Amino acid sequence: NPIYFEIVPPGAKGFFRLVYVPLHWIGSSENELRRKVVEDLKDVAIGVREMMLTYGFSAKKSLGFGKIEDGWDKNESKLEIKEFYGVQKFGNFRELEEIVEGLEG
């Protein structure tokens, strides 16, 4: 008998939210905290990009499920680092990585 599993059809929309709390950097000076948060964010952005575009984000990723398209409505996404940087919008992973690189300067 076949094993049925629920999948999201092509073209469907969803959302992904990642909350980052730098507990291990609390107690650092404000400048050092900013630097470390941006450093972490660079790695996180690359990891999420690879997870979503290359490896997939699902229980059946080895069958090609769980990958997304690298492009979405820019108004539906945001990067927000409270108390450090205002809300930034991006429409693909390249734009996200450019925003993160710009935070270093």
PDB file of N, CA and C in Angstrom:
ATOM      1  N   ASN A   1       0.840  -1.189   0.000  1.00  0.00           N
ATOM      2  CA  ASN A   1       0.000   0.000   0.000  1.00  0.00           C
ATOM      3  C   ASN A   1       0.879   1.244   0.000  1.00  0.00           C
ATOM      4  N   PRO A   2       0.499   2.252  -0.748  1.00  0.00           N
ATOM      5  CA  PRO A   2       1.290   3.484  -0.742  1.00  0.00           C
ATOM      6  C   PRO A   2       1.162   4.209   0.595  1.00  0.00           C
ATOM      7  N   ILE A   3       2.196   4.951   0.918  1.00  0.00           N
ATOM      8  CA  ILE A   3       2.173   5.790   2.121  1.00  0.00           C
ATOM      9  C   ILE A   3       1.902   7.219   1.662  1.00  0.00           C
ATOM     10  N   TYR A   4       0.805   7.774   2.114  1.00  0.00           N
ATOM     11  CA  TYR A   4       0.431   9.127   1.730  1.00  0.00           C
ATOM     12  C   TYR A   4       1.008  10.113   2.737  1.00  0.00           C
ATOM     13  N   PHE A   5       1.477  11.233   2.228  1.00  0.00           N
ATOM     14  CA  PHE A   5       1.936  12.282   3.121  1.00  0.00           C
ATOM     15  C   PHE A   5       1.505  13.634   2.570  1.00  0.00           C
ATOM     16  N   GLU A   6       1.285  14.548   3.476  1.00  0.00           N
ATOM     17  CA  GLU A   6       0.796  15.861   3.114  1.00  0.00           C
ATOM     18  C   GLU A   6       1.934  16.705   2.554  1.00  0.00           C
ATOM     19  N   ILE A   7       1.673  17.391   1.438  1.00  0.00           N
ATOM     20  CA  ILE A   7       2.668  18.276   0.853  1.00  0.00           C
ATOM     21  C   ILE A   7       2.024  19.619   0.529  1.00  0.00           C
ATOM     22  N   VAL A   8       2.857  20.613   0.369  1.00  0.00           N
ATOM     23  CA  VAL A   8       2.391  21.932  -0.054  1.00  0.00           C
ATOM     24  C   VAL A   8       2.495  21.976  -1.572  1.00  0.00           C
ATOM     25  N   PRO A   9       1.428  22.308  -2.263  1.00  0.00           N
ATOM     26  CA  PRO A   9       1.476  22.311  -3.728  1.00  0.00           C
ATOM     27  C   PRO A   9       2.376  23.429  -4.258  1.00  0.00           C
ATOM     28  N   PRO A  10       2.951  23.229  -5.447  1.00  0.00           N
ATOM     29  CA  PRO A  10       3.769  24.279  -6.054  1.00  0.00           C
ATOM     30  C   PRO A  10       2.987  25.578  -6.167  1.00  0.00           C
ATOM     31  N   GLY A  11       3.667  26.685  -5.897  1.00  0.00           N
ATOM     32  CA  GLY A  11       3.034  27.998  -5.985  1.00  0.00           C
ATOM     33  C   GLY A  11       2.358  28.446  -4.702  1.00  0.00           C
ATOM     34  N   ALA A  12       2.249  27.557  -3.724  1.00  0.00           N
ATOM     35  CA  ALA A  12       1.620  27.932  -2.452  1.00  0.00           C
ATOM     36  C   ALA A  12       2.533  28.879  -1.692  1.00  0.00           C
ATOM     37  N   LYS A  13       1.954  29.683  -0.832  1.00  0.00           N
ATOM     38  CA  LYS A  13       2.724  30.635  -0.033  1.00  0.00           C
ATOM     39  C   LYS A  13       2.710  30.201   1.422  1.00  0.00           C
ATOM     40  N   GLY A  14       3.794  30.517   2.099  1.00  0.00           N
ATOM     41  CA  GLY A  14       3.904  30.235   3.518  1.00  0.00           C
ATOM     42  C   GLY A  14       4.754  31.308   4.158  1.00  0.00           C
ATOM     43  N   PHE A  15       5.126  31.090   5.398  1.00  0.00           N
ATOM     44  CA  PHE A  15       6.002  32.050   6.049  1.00  0.00           C
ATOM     45  C   PHE A  15       7.016  31.315   6.907  1.00  0.00           C
ATOM     46  N   PHE A  16       8.133  31.956   7.082  1.00  0.00           N
ATOM     47  CA  PHE A  16       9.224  31.433   7.904  1.00  0.00           C
ATOM     48  C   PHE A  16       9.658  32.565   8.823  1.00  0.00           C
ATOM     49  N   ARG A  17       9.723  32.283  10.091  1.00  0.00           N
ATOM     50  CA  ARG A  17      10.138  33.293  11.064  1.00  0.00           C
ATOM     51  C   ARG A  17      11.255  32.704  11.899  1.00  0.00           C
ATOM     52  N   LEU A  18      12.307  33.463  12.029  1.00  0.00           N
ATOM     53  CA  LEU A  18      13.442  33.062  12.846  1.00  0.00           C
ATOM     54  C   LEU A  18      13.656  34.136  13.896  1.00  0.00           C
ATOM     55  N   VAL A  19      13.642  33.749  15.138  1.00  0.00           N
ATOM     56  CA  VAL A  19      13.891  34.674  16.231  1.00  0.00           C
ATOM     57  C   VAL A  19      15.280  34.359  16.786  1.00  0.00           C
ATOM     58  N   TYR A  20      16.118  35.361  16.794  1.00  0.00           N
ATOM     59  CA  TYR A  20      17.491  35.218  17.268  1.00  0.00           C
ATOM     60  C   TYR A  20      17.636  36.042  18.537  1.00  0.00           C
ATOM     61  N   VAL A  21      18.044  35.407  19.617  1.00  0.00           N
ATOM     62  CA  VAL A  21      18.275  36.098  20.887  1.00  0.00           C
ATOM     63  C   VAL A  21      19.713  35.805  21.292  1.00  0.00           C
ATOM     64  N   PRO A  22      20.589  36.806  21.230  1.00  0.00           N
ATOM     65  CA  PRO A  22      22.021  36.577  21.476  1.00  0.00           C
ATOM     66  C   PRO A  22      22.371  36.500  22.960  1.00  0.00           C
ATOM     67  N   LEU A  23      21.795  35.555  23.646  1.00  0.00           N
ATOM     68  CA  LEU A  23      22.028  35.443  25.090  1.00  0.00           C
ATOM     69  C   LEU A  23      23.511  35.282  25.433  1.00  0.00           C
ATOM     70  N   HIS A  24      24.240  34.559  24.584  1.00  0.00           N
ATOM     71  CA  HIS A  24      25.648  34.312  24.877  1.00  0.00           C
ATOM     72  C   HIS A  24      26.513  35.556  24.720  1.00  0.00           C
ATOM     73  N   TRP A  25      25.987  36.658  24.127  1.00  0.00           N
ATOM     74  CA  TRP A  25      26.758  37.892  23.971  1.00  0.00           C
ATOM     75  C   TRP A  25      26.313  38.976  24.948  1.00  0.00           C
ATOM     76  N   ILE A  26      25.292  38.716  25.747  1.00  0.00           N
ATOM     77  CA  ILE A  26      24.816  39.723  26.690  1.00  0.00           C
ATOM     78  C   ILE A  26      25.918  39.991  27.717  1.00  0.00           C
ATOM     79  N   GLY A  27      26.118  41.252  28.000  1.00  0.00           N
ATOM     80  CA  GLY A  27      27.195  41.659  28.897  1.00  0.00           C
ATOM     81  C   GLY A  27      28.351  42.275  28.125  1.00  0.00           C
ATOM     82  N   SER A  28      28.362  42.107  26.799  1.00  0.00           N
ATOM     83  CA  SER A  28      29.381  42.740  25.956  1.00  0.00           C
ATOM     84  C   SER A  28      29.046  44.221  25.822  1.00  0.00           C
ATOM     85  N   SER A  29      30.041  45.009  25.453  1.00  0.00           N
ATOM     86  CA  SER A  29      29.778  46.424  25.189  1.00  0.00           C
ATOM     87  C   SER A  29      28.824  46.521  23.997  1.00  0.00           C
ATOM     88  N   GLU A  30      28.183  47.688  23.852  1.00  0.00           N
ATOM     89  CA  GLU A  30      27.213  47.841  22.760  1.00  0.00           C
ATOM     90  C   GLU A  30      27.872  47.654  21.396  1.00  0.00           C
ATOM     91  N   ASN A  31      29.050  48.225  21.193  1.00  0.00           N
ATOM     92  CA  ASN A  31      29.742  48.069  19.906  1.00  0.00           C
ATOM     93  C   ASN A  31      30.119  46.620  19.648  1.00  0.00           C
ATOM     94  N   GLU A  32      30.610  45.946  20.671  1.00  0.00           N
ATOM     95  CA  GLU A  32      30.985  44.540  20.523  1.00  0.00           C
ATOM     96  C   GLU A  32      29.751  43.682  20.274  1.00  0.00           C
ATOM     97  N   LEU A  33      28.657  43.976  20.961  1.00  0.00           N
ATOM     98  CA  LEU A  33      27.407  43.237  20.758  1.00  0.00           C
ATOM     99  C   LEU A  33      26.911  43.407  19.321  1.00  0.00           C
ATOM    100  N   ARG A  34      26.919  44.628  18.815  1.00  0.00           N
ATOM    101  CA  ARG A  34      26.506  44.870  17.428  1.00  0.00           C
ATOM    102  C   ARG A  34      27.369  44.065  16.463  1.00  0.00           C
ATOM    103  N   ARG A  35      28.682  44.110  16.659  1.00  0.00           N
ATOM    104  CA  ARG A  35      29.600  43.400  15.764  1.00  0.00           C
ATOM    105  C   ARG A  35      29.331  41.901  15.777  1.00  0.00           C
ATOM    106  N   LYS A  36      29.133  41.347  16.956  1.00  0.00           N
ATOM    107  CA  LYS A  36      28.907  39.904  17.071  1.00  0.00           C
ATOM    108  C   LYS A  36      27.548  39.496  16.509  1.00  0.00           C
ATOM    109  N   VAL A  37      26.540  40.328  16.710  1.00  0.00           N
ATOM    110  CA  VAL A  37      25.211  40.030  16.167  1.00  0.00           C
ATOM    111  C   VAL A  37      25.260  40.022  14.642  1.00  0.00           C
ATOM    112  N   VAL A  38      25.926  41.000  14.042  1.00  0.00           N
ATOM    113  CA  VAL A  38      26.038  41.044  12.580  1.00  0.00           C
ATOM    114  C   VAL A  38      26.840  39.848  12.079  1.00  0.00           C
ATOM    115  N   GLU A  39      27.892  39.490  12.779  1.00  0.00           N
ATOM    116  CA  GLU A  39      28.697  38.320  12.403  1.00  0.00           C
ATOM    117  C   GLU A  39      27.841  37.053  12.427  1.00  0.00           C
ATOM    118  N   ASP A  40      27.062  36.882  13.486  1.00  0.00           N
ATOM    119  CA  ASP A  40      26.154  35.731  13.576  1.00  0.00           C
ATOM    120  C   ASP A  40      25.120  35.765  12.457  1.00  0.00           C
ATOM    121  N   LEU A  41      24.582  36.952  12.194  1.00  0.00           N
ATOM    122  CA  LEU A  41      23.535  37.097  11.193  1.00  0.00           C
ATOM    123  C   LEU A  41      24.034  36.714   9.802  1.00  0.00           C
ATOM    124  N   LYS A  42      25.274  37.016   9.492  1.00  0.00           N
ATOM    125  CA  LYS A  42      25.847  36.614   8.203  1.00  0.00           C
ATOM    126  C   LYS A  42      25.802  35.093   8.055  1.00  0.00           C
ATOM    127  N   ASP A  43      26.210  34.386   9.095  1.00  0.00           N
ATOM    128  CA  ASP A  43      26.183  32.919   9.056  1.00  0.00           C
ATOM    129  C   ASP A  43      24.757  32.384   8.986  1.00  0.00           C
ATOM    130  N   VAL A  44      23.854  32.994   9.735  1.00  0.00           N
ATOM    131  CA  VAL A  44      22.455  32.552   9.733  1.00  0.00           C
ATOM    132  C   VAL A  44      21.832  32.756   8.353  1.00  0.00           C
ATOM    133  N   ALA A  45      22.086  33.904   7.719  1.00  0.00           N
ATOM    134  CA  ALA A  45      21.524  34.172   6.392  1.00  0.00           C
ATOM    135  C   ALA A  45      22.002  33.137   5.378  1.00  0.00           C
ATOM    136  N   ILE A  46      23.274  32.799   5.434  1.00  0.00           N
ATOM    137  CA  ILE A  46      23.814  31.785   4.514  1.00  0.00           C
ATOM    138  C   ILE A  46      23.191  30.425   4.809  1.00  0.00           C
ATOM    139  N   GLY A  47      23.075  30.085   6.092  1.00  0.00           N
ATOM    140  CA  GLY A  47      22.489  28.799   6.468  1.00  0.00           C
ATOM    141  C   GLY A  47      21.040  28.664   6.050  1.00  0.00           C
ATOM    142  N   VAL A  48      20.258  29.710   6.261  1.00  0.00           N
ATOM    143  CA  VAL A  48      18.836  29.667   5.867  1.00  0.00           C
ATOM    144  C   VAL A  48      18.724  29.595   4.350  1.00  0.00           C
ATOM    145  N   ARG A  49      19.548  30.355   3.629  1.00  0.00           N
ATOM    146  CA  ARG A  49      19.531  30.286   2.161  1.00  0.00           C
ATOM    147  C   ARG A  49      19.799  28.863   1.683  1.00  0.00           C
ATOM    148  N   GLU A  50      20.836  28.244   2.216  1.00  0.00           N
ATOM    149  CA  GLU A  50      21.171  26.877   1.807  1.00  0.00           C
ATOM    150  C   GLU A  50      20.063  25.901   2.180  1.00  0.00           C
ATOM    151  N   MET A  51      19.498  26.062   3.363  1.00  0.00           N
ATOM    152  CA  MET A  51      18.413  25.178   3.802  1.00  0.00           C
ATOM    153  C   MET A  51      17.210  25.297   2.876  1.00  0.00           C
ATOM    154  N   MET A  52      16.860  26.519   2.517  1.00  0.00           N
ATOM    155  CA  MET A  52      15.655  26.748   1.722  1.00  0.00           C
ATOM    156  C   MET A  52      15.835  26.466   0.227  1.00  0.00           C
ATOM    157  N   LEU A  53      17.041  26.709  -0.315  1.00  0.00           N
ATOM    158  CA  LEU A  53      17.240  26.592  -1.756  1.00  0.00           C
ATOM    159  C   LEU A  53      17.949  25.314  -2.174  1.00  0.00           C
ATOM    160  N   THR A  54      18.848  24.820  -1.359  1.00  0.00           N
ATOM    161  CA  THR A  54      19.674  23.678  -1.744  1.00  0.00           C
ATOM    162  C   THR A  54      19.197  22.375  -1.112  1.00  0.00           C
ATOM    163  N   TYR A  55      19.057  22.385   0.205  1.00  0.00           N
ATOM    164  CA  TYR A  55      18.781  21.142   0.928  1.00  0.00           C
ATOM    165  C   TYR A  55      17.307  20.867   1.139  1.00  0.00           C
ATOM    166  N   GLY A  56      16.508  21.893   1.247  1.00  0.00           N
ATOM    167  CA  GLY A  56      15.082  21.709   1.517  1.00  0.00           C
ATOM    168  C   GLY A  56      14.799  21.750   3.001  1.00  0.00           C
ATOM    169  N   PHE A  57      13.551  22.010   3.316  1.00  0.00           N
ATOM    170  CA  PHE A  57      13.113  22.189   4.695  1.00  0.00           C
ATOM    171  C   PHE A  57      11.863  21.337   4.884  1.00  0.00           C
ATOM    172  N   SER A  58      12.066  20.020   4.980  1.00  0.00           N
ATOM    173  CA  SER A  58      10.913  19.140   5.118  1.00  0.00           C
ATOM    174  C   SER A  58      11.366  17.744   5.537  1.00  0.00           C
ATOM    175  N   ALA A  59      10.397  16.927   5.849  1.00  0.00           N
ATOM    176  CA  ALA A  59      10.694  15.540   6.205  1.00  0.00           C
ATOM    177  C   ALA A  59      11.047  14.713   4.966  1.00  0.00           C
ATOM    178  N   LYS A  60      10.654  15.141   3.795  1.00  0.00           N
ATOM    179  CA  LYS A  60      10.891  14.406   2.542  1.00  0.00           C
ATOM    180  C   LYS A  60      11.837  15.174   1.626  1.00  0.00           C
ATOM    181  N   LYS A  61      12.796  15.875   2.207  1.00  0.00           N
ATOM    182  CA  LYS A  61      13.685  16.704   1.395  1.00  0.00           C
ATOM    183  C   LYS A  61      14.544  15.897   0.432  1.00  0.00           C
ATOM    184  N   SER A  62      14.820  14.639   0.770  1.00  0.00           N
ATOM    185  CA  SER A  62      15.621  13.817  -0.144  1.00  0.00           C
ATOM    186  C   SER A  62      14.868  13.521  -1.442  1.00  0.00           C
ATOM    187  N   LEU A  63      13.562  13.720  -1.445  1.00  0.00           N
ATOM    188  CA  LEU A  63      12.755  13.525  -2.651  1.00  0.00           C
ATOM    189  C   LEU A  63      12.514  14.839  -3.392  1.00  0.00           C
ATOM    190  N   GLY A  64      13.180  15.911  -2.931  1.00  0.00           N
ATOM    191  CA  GLY A  64      13.045  17.200  -3.605  1.00  0.00           C
ATOM    192  C   GLY A  64      11.997  18.117  -3.009  1.00  0.00           C
ATOM    193  N   PHE A  65      11.352  17.713  -1.962  1.00  0.00           N
ATOM    194  CA  PHE A  65      10.348  18.557  -1.333  1.00  0.00           C
ATOM    195  C   PHE A  65      11.024  19.540  -0.378  1.00  0.00           C
ATOM    196  N   GLY A  66      10.359  20.651  -0.106  1.00  0.00           N
ATOM    197  CA  GLY A  66      10.821  21.583   0.902  1.00  0.00           C
ATOM    198  C   GLY A  66      11.686  22.714   0.400  1.00  0.00           C
ATOM    199  N   LYS A  67      11.931  22.787  -0.889  1.00  0.00           N
ATOM    200  CA  LYS A  67      12.720  23.891  -1.426  1.00  0.00           C
ATOM    201  C   LYS A  67      11.782  25.025  -1.836  1.00  0.00           C
ATOM    202  N   ILE A  68      12.310  26.241  -1.785  1.00  0.00           N
ATOM    203  CA  ILE A  68      11.498  27.394  -2.156  1.00  0.00           C
ATOM    204  C   ILE A  68      12.119  28.082  -3.370  1.00  0.00           C
ATOM    205  N   GLU A  69      11.385  29.015  -3.932  1.00  0.00           N
ATOM    206  CA  GLU A  69      11.916  29.848  -5.007  1.00  0.00           C
ATOM    207  C   GLU A  69      12.635  31.028  -4.378  1.00  0.00           C
ATOM    208  N   ASP A  70      13.736  31.450  -4.991  1.00  0.00           N
ATOM    209  CA  ASP A  70      14.511  32.565  -4.460  1.00  0.00           C
ATOM    210  C   ASP A  70      13.976  33.880  -5.004  1.00  0.00           C
ATOM    211  N   GLY A  71      12.822  34.241  -4.565  1.00  0.00           N
ATOM    212  CA  GLY A  71      12.186  35.488  -4.944  1.00  0.00           C
ATOM    213  C   GLY A  71      10.784  35.521  -4.373  1.00  0.00           C
ATOM    214  N   TRP A  72      10.436  36.624  -3.759  1.00  0.00           N
ATOM    215  CA  TRP A  72       9.124  36.760  -3.135  1.00  0.00           C
ATOM    216  C   TRP A  72       8.794  38.235  -3.050  1.00  0.00           C
ATOM    217  N   ASP A  73       7.602  38.532  -2.603  1.00  0.00           N
ATOM    218  CA  ASP A  73       7.148  39.914  -2.459  1.00  0.00           C
ATOM    219  C   ASP A  73       7.979  40.599  -1.378  1.00  0.00           C
ATOM    220  N   LYS A  74       8.685  41.633  -1.764  1.00  0.00           N
ATOM    221  CA  LYS A  74       9.575  42.353  -0.855  1.00  0.00           C
ATOM    222  C   LYS A  74       8.818  42.912   0.354  1.00  0.00           C
ATOM    223  N   ASN A  75       7.552  43.260   0.163  1.00  0.00           N
ATOM    224  CA  ASN A  75       6.766  43.814   1.266  1.00  0.00           C
ATOM    225  C   ASN A  75       6.360  42.764   2.287  1.00  0.00           C
ATOM    226  N   GLU A  76       6.559  41.489   1.966  1.00  0.00           N
ATOM    227  CA  GLU A  76       6.166  40.413   2.864  1.00  0.00           C
ATOM    228  C   GLU A  76       7.324  39.904   3.719  1.00  0.00           C
ATOM    229  N   SER A  77       8.484  40.540   3.611  1.00  0.00           N
ATOM    230  CA  SER A  77       9.637  40.077   4.383  1.00  0.00           C
ATOM    231  C   SER A  77      10.251  41.241   5.143  1.00  0.00           C
ATOM    232  N   LYS A  78      10.924  40.921   6.223  1.00  0.00           N
ATOM    233  CA  LYS A  78      11.637  41.977   6.923  1.00  0.00           C
ATOM    234  C   LYS A  78      12.749  41.388   7.776  1.00  0.00           C
ATOM    235  N   LEU A  79      13.770  42.183   7.913  1.00  0.00           N
ATOM    236  CA  LEU A  79      14.854  41.902   8.834  1.00  0.00           C
ATOM    237  C   LEU A  79      14.804  43.018   9.854  1.00  0.00           C
ATOM    238  N   GLU A  80      14.704  42.648  11.104  1.00  0.00           N
ATOM    239  CA  GLU A  80      14.605  43.657  12.155  1.00  0.00           C
ATOM    240  C   GLU A  80      15.522  43.270  13.299  1.00  0.00           C
ATOM    241  N   ILE A  81      16.392  44.203  13.671  1.00  0.00           N
ATOM    242  CA  ILE A  81      17.260  43.999  14.825  1.00  0.00           C
ATOM    243  C   ILE A  81      16.908  45.120  15.796  1.00  0.00           C
ATOM    244  N   LYS A  82      16.038  44.807  16.724  1.00  0.00           N
ATOM    245  CA  LYS A  82      15.512  45.821  17.631  1.00  0.00           C
ATOM    246  C   LYS A  82      16.637  46.489  18.403  1.00  0.00           C
ATOM    247  N   GLU A  83      16.490  47.780  18.559  1.00  0.00           N
ATOM    248  CA  GLU A  83      17.406  48.654  19.277  1.00  0.00           C
ATOM    249  C   GLU A  83      18.716  48.919  18.538  1.00  0.00           C
ATOM    250  N   PHE A  84      18.970  48.232  17.428  1.00  0.00           N
ATOM    251  CA  PHE A  84      20.210  48.461  16.672  1.00  0.00           C
ATOM    252  C   PHE A  84      19.930  49.020  15.289  1.00  0.00           C
ATOM    253  N   TYR A  85      19.031  48.379  14.544  1.00  0.00           N
ATOM    254  CA  TYR A  85      18.793  48.738  13.149  1.00  0.00           C
ATOM    255  C   TYR A  85      17.297  48.722  12.881  1.00  0.00           C
ATOM    256  N   GLY A  86      16.863  49.603  11.999  1.00  0.00           N
ATOM    257  CA  GLY A  86      15.459  49.645  11.623  1.00  0.00           C
ATOM    258  C   GLY A  86      15.079  48.473  10.736  1.00  0.00           C
ATOM    259  N   VAL A  87      13.811  48.387  10.410  1.00  0.00           N
ATOM    260  CA  VAL A  87      13.295  47.306   9.571  1.00  0.00           C
ATOM    261  C   VAL A  87      13.849  47.441   8.161  1.00  0.00           C
ATOM    262  N   GLN A  88      14.341  46.343   7.628  1.00  0.00           N
ATOM    263  CA  GLN A  88      14.851  46.278   6.259  1.00  0.00           C
ATOM    264  C   GLN A  88      13.996  45.273   5.485  1.00  0.00           C
ATOM    265  N   LYS A  89      13.655  45.593   4.256  1.00  0.00           N
ATOM    266  CA  LYS A  89      12.860  44.706   3.403  1.00  0.00           C
ATOM    267  C   LYS A  89      13.762  44.074   2.351  1.00  0.00           C
ATOM    268  N   PHE A  90      13.462  42.844   1.971  1.00  0.00           N
ATOM    269  CA  PHE A  90      14.241  42.156   0.943  1.00  0.00           C
ATOM    270  C   PHE A  90      13.340  41.198   0.185  1.00  0.00           C
ATOM    271  N   GLY A  91      13.667  40.977  -1.090  1.00  0.00           N
ATOM    272  CA  GLY A  91      12.833  40.139  -1.942  1.00  0.00           C
ATOM    273  C   GLY A  91      13.498  38.851  -2.384  1.00  0.00           C
ATOM    274  N   ASN A  92      14.740  38.623  -1.951  1.00  0.00           N
ATOM    275  CA  ASN A  92      15.437  37.371  -2.241  1.00  0.00           C
ATOM    276  C   ASN A  92      16.654  37.273  -1.310  1.00  0.00           C
ATOM    277  N   PHE A  93      17.338  36.164  -1.356  1.00  0.00           N
ATOM    278  CA  PHE A  93      18.460  35.966  -0.437  1.00  0.00           C
ATOM    279  C   PHE A  93      19.649  36.858  -0.768  1.00  0.00           C
ATOM    280  N   ARG A  94      19.860  37.190  -2.016  1.00  0.00           N
ATOM    281  CA  ARG A  94      20.960  38.091  -2.378  1.00  0.00           C
ATOM    282  C   ARG A  94      20.757  39.454  -1.712  1.00  0.00           C
ATOM    283  N   GLU A  95      19.531  39.964  -1.768  1.00  0.00           N
ATOM    284  CA  GLU A  95      19.225  41.243  -1.131  1.00  0.00           C
ATOM    285  C   GLU A  95      19.409  41.160   0.379  1.00  0.00           C
ATOM    286  N   LEU A  96      19.012  40.054   0.988  1.00  0.00           N
ATOM    287  CA  LEU A  96      19.204  39.871   2.424  1.00  0.00           C
ATOM    288  C   LEU A  96      20.687  39.913   2.767  1.00  0.00           C
ATOM    289  N   GLU A  97      21.493  39.198   2.008  1.00  0.00           N
ATOM    290  CA  GLU A  97      22.928  39.163   2.282  1.00  0.00           C
ATOM    291  C   GLU A  97      23.559  40.535   2.072  1.00  0.00           C
ATOM    292  N   GLU A  98      23.085  41.307   1.089  1.00  0.00           N
ATOM    293  CA  GLU A  98      23.586  42.668   0.888  1.00  0.00           C
ATOM    294  C   GLU A  98      23.232  43.568   2.069  1.00  0.00           C
ATOM    295  N   ILE A  99      22.027  43.419   2.601  1.00  0.00           N
ATOM    296  CA  ILE A  99      21.626  44.195   3.780  1.00  0.00           C
ATOM    297  C   ILE A  99      22.543  43.863   4.945  1.00  0.00           C
ATOM    298  N   VAL A 100      22.781  42.589   5.170  1.00  0.00           N
ATOM    299  CA  VAL A 100      23.616  42.167   6.293  1.00  0.00           C
ATOM    300  C   VAL A 100      25.038  42.692   6.121  1.00  0.00           C
ATOM    301  N   GLU A 101      25.571  42.605   4.903  1.00  0.00           N
ATOM    302  CA  GLU A 101      26.920  43.140   4.641  1.00  0.00           C
ATOM    303  C   GLU A 101      26.954  44.638   4.934  1.00  0.00           C
ATOM    304  N   GLY A 102      25.891  45.352   4.590  1.00  0.00           N
ATOM    305  CA  GLY A 102      25.817  46.792   4.833  1.00  0.00           C
ATOM    306  C   GLY A 102      25.759  47.156   6.310  1.00  0.00           C
ATOM    307  N   LEU A 103      25.333  46.221   7.146  1.00  0.00           N
ATOM    308  CA  LEU A 103      25.270  46.481   8.586  1.00  0.00           C
ATOM    309  C   LEU A 103      26.653  46.569   9.206  1.00  0.00           C
ATOM    310  N   GLU A 104      27.636  45.970   8.555  1.00  0.00           N
ATOM    311  CA  GLU A 104      29.000  45.990   9.089  1.00  0.00           C
ATOM    312  C   GLU A 104      29.627  47.369   9.012  1.00  0.00           C
ATOM    313  N   GLY A 105      29.298  48.104   7.935  1.00  0.00           N
ATOM    314  CA  GLY A 105      29.933  49.378   7.657  1.00  0.00           C
ATOM    315  C   GLY A 105      29.620  50.422   8.644  1.00  0.00           C
TER     316      GLY A 105
END
